[in-house]
Amino acid sequence: MELILKQDVQDLGFKDDIVTVKNGYGRNFLIPQGMASLATPSAKKVLAENLKQRAHKEKKVIDEANKIAEGLKALEIKIPAKVGAGDKLFGSISNIDLAAALEKAGQGVDKKFISIQGGTVKRTGPYNAKIRLHREVMVDFPFEVIAEAK
């Protein structure tokens, strides 16, 4: 079943992509949730026209995302956390904590656009995260988890 996505769907595609999914997934989840619509020939023509008109506006958004990416690359984030024996954390550090640290540093990024490689962090040390600012702008962001001063 061919569908046109109305919004970004994780592990499937971005808004205005034409994707092929199994019938049940499209009919029972994506269409009722308002995430997609059927890709009929007329809907594809309308989509193509809209994309053509949006291409100019999109360039401005990409330039802005690139500026934010440059600002992120200049940052050096160290997240303090309570540590037990053998540099093991009490609890864990997730994308929510990294988003809060970035907000404190002056670069607000929504937590759903941050994915820490390997999931959550449970030990001190250097780690990497991928931050998606736009469908075409991804930033590899290094950060470090350090022991909290007592």
Protein backbone atom coordinates (compact mmCIF):
# COMPACT_ATOMS: atom_id res chain seq x y z
CA MET A 1 0.00 0.00 0.00
CA GLU A 2 1.45 3.37 -1.01
CA LEU A 3 0.94 6.24 1.40
CA ILE A 4 1.96 9.91 1.64
CA LEU A 5 3.19 10.75 5.14
CA LYS A 6 1.59 13.80 6.74
CA GLN A 7 4.21 13.94 9.51
CA ASP A 8 7.55 12.37 10.43
CA VAL A 9 7.18 8.72 11.44
CA GLN A 10 10.16 7.20 13.19
CA ASP A 11 11.82 4.33 11.29
CA LEU A 12 9.52 4.89 8.29
CA GLY A 13 10.08 8.32 6.75
CA PHE A 14 9.69 12.06 6.87
CA LYS A 15 6.74 14.33 6.16
CA ASP A 16 5.66 14.30 2.46
CA ASP A 17 7.57 11.09 1.67
CA ILE A 18 5.80 8.45 -0.39
CA VAL A 19 6.28 5.11 1.38
CA THR A 20 5.14 1.55 0.81
CA VAL A 21 3.83 -0.26 3.89
CA LYS A 22 1.85 -3.40 4.61
CA ASN A 23 -1.90 -2.97 4.18
CA GLY A 24 -2.79 -3.55 7.83
CA TYR A 25 -0.21 -1.07 9.15
CA GLY A 26 -1.47 1.63 6.80
CA ARG A 27 -5.18 0.94 7.14
CA ASN A 28 -5.27 0.26 10.90
CA PHE A 29 -2.62 2.62 12.28
CA LEU A 30 -1.17 5.29 9.99
CA ILE A 31 -4.37 6.52 8.30
CA PRO A 32 -6.62 6.53 11.43
CA GLN A 33 -3.90 8.30 13.47
CA GLY A 34 -3.73 11.02 10.80
CA MET A 35 -0.09 10.25 10.03
CA ALA A 36 -0.64 9.36 6.37
CA SER A 37 -3.06 9.46 3.46
CA LEU A 38 -3.47 7.25 0.40
CA ALA A 39 -1.08 8.00 -2.47
CA THR A 40 -3.59 8.26 -5.31
CA PRO A 41 -2.40 9.68 -8.66
CA SER A 42 -4.14 13.01 -7.99
CA ALA A 43 -2.67 13.19 -4.46
CA LYS A 44 0.81 12.58 -5.92
CA LYS A 45 0.34 15.47 -8.38
CA VAL A 46 -0.77 17.81 -5.59
CA LEU A 47 2.22 16.70 -3.48
CA ALA A 48 4.66 17.32 -6.34
CA GLU A 49 3.31 20.85 -6.82
CA ASN A 50 3.47 21.59 -3.10
CA LEU A 51 7.05 20.32 -2.89
CA LYS A 52 8.07 22.51 -5.82
CA GLN A 53 6.63 25.59 -4.12
CA ARG A 54 8.13 24.69 -0.77
CA ALA A 55 11.68 24.10 -2.09
CA HIS A 56 12.54 27.80 -1.86
CA LYS A 57 11.26 28.11 1.73
CA GLU A 58 13.04 24.89 2.63
CA LYS A 59 16.43 26.36 1.72
CA LYS A 60 16.02 29.05 4.37
CA VAL A 61 15.14 26.43 7.00
CA ILE A 62 18.16 24.29 6.05
CA ASP A 63 20.47 27.32 6.34
CA GLU A 64 19.09 28.03 9.80
CA ALA A 65 19.58 24.38 10.83
CA ASN A 66 23.18 24.54 9.60
CA LYS A 67 23.80 27.62 11.77
CA ILE A 68 22.45 25.76 14.80
CA ALA A 69 24.65 22.77 13.87
CA GLU A 70 27.75 25.00 13.85
CA GLY A 71 26.77 26.33 17.27
CA LEU A 72 26.38 22.78 18.59
CA LYS A 73 29.78 21.72 17.27
CA ALA A 74 31.39 24.55 19.23
CA LEU A 75 29.81 23.37 22.51
CA GLU A 76 31.49 21.03 24.96
CA ILE A 77 28.93 19.47 27.29
CA LYS A 78 29.84 17.68 30.51
CA ILE A 79 26.91 16.17 32.37
CA PRO A 80 27.54 15.62 36.10
CA ALA A 81 25.93 12.53 37.65
CA LYS A 82 26.02 10.68 40.95
CA VAL A 83 28.51 7.83 40.75
CA GLY A 84 28.89 4.64 42.75
CA ALA A 85 31.75 2.14 42.84
CA GLY A 86 33.63 1.60 39.57
CA ASP A 87 32.38 4.71 37.71
CA LYS A 88 28.87 3.24 37.52
CA LEU A 89 26.03 5.79 37.66
CA PHE A 90 23.11 5.83 40.08
CA GLY A 91 20.36 5.81 37.47
CA SER A 92 21.21 6.73 33.88
CA ILE A 93 21.66 9.64 31.48
CA SER A 94 19.19 9.77 28.59
CA ASN A 95 18.27 12.10 25.74
CA ILE A 96 16.13 14.10 28.19
CA ASP A 97 19.18 14.91 30.34
CA LEU A 98 21.23 15.83 27.27
CA ALA A 99 18.43 18.10 26.02
CA ALA A 100 18.34 19.83 29.43
CA ALA A 101 22.14 20.31 29.37
CA LEU A 102 21.95 21.78 25.85
CA GLU A 103 19.14 24.11 26.95
CA LYS A 104 21.29 25.29 29.85
CA ALA A 105 24.13 25.96 27.37
CA GLY A 106 21.82 28.11 25.25
CA GLN A 107 21.06 25.67 22.40
CA GLY A 108 17.50 24.45 22.77
CA VAL A 109 16.98 21.11 20.98
CA ASP A 110 13.85 19.01 21.42
CA LYS A 111 14.56 15.70 23.18
CA LYS A 112 12.82 13.64 20.49
CA PHE A 113 15.44 14.73 17.94
CA ILE A 114 18.33 13.44 20.08
CA SER A 115 19.38 9.81 19.98
CA ILE A 116 22.25 8.64 22.14
CA GLN A 117 24.24 5.87 20.51
CA GLY A 118 23.78 2.73 22.58
CA GLY A 119 20.61 3.98 24.28
CA THR A 120 20.99 5.28 27.82
CA VAL A 121 24.33 5.98 29.51
CA LYS A 122 25.10 4.03 32.68
CA ARG A 123 28.82 4.81 33.19
CA THR A 124 31.02 7.88 33.20
CA GLY A 125 33.10 8.70 30.13
CA PRO A 126 32.81 10.18 26.64
CA TYR A 127 29.76 9.38 24.49
CA ASN A 128 28.22 10.39 21.17
CA ALA A 129 24.71 11.41 20.26
CA LYS A 130 23.05 12.11 16.92
CA ILE A 131 20.97 15.28 16.79
CA ARG A 132 18.55 15.67 13.87
CA LEU A 133 17.90 19.35 13.22
CA HIS A 134 16.30 18.80 9.80
CA ARG A 135 15.79 15.81 7.56
CA GLU A 136 19.02 16.77 5.76
CA VAL A 137 20.98 18.14 8.74
CA MET A 138 22.30 15.60 11.25
CA VAL A 139 24.97 16.43 13.83
CA ASP A 140 27.25 13.97 15.62
CA PHE A 141 27.49 15.50 19.07
CA PRO A 142 30.17 14.31 21.53
CA PHE A 143 29.50 14.79 25.24
CA GLU A 144 30.95 13.50 28.48
CA VAL A 145 29.42 12.14 31.65
CA ILE A 146 31.48 13.05 34.71
CA ALA A 147 31.29 12.25 38.42
CA GLU A 148 29.38 14.84 40.43
CA ALA A 149 31.48 16.75 42.96
CA LYS A 150 30.42 15.85 46.49
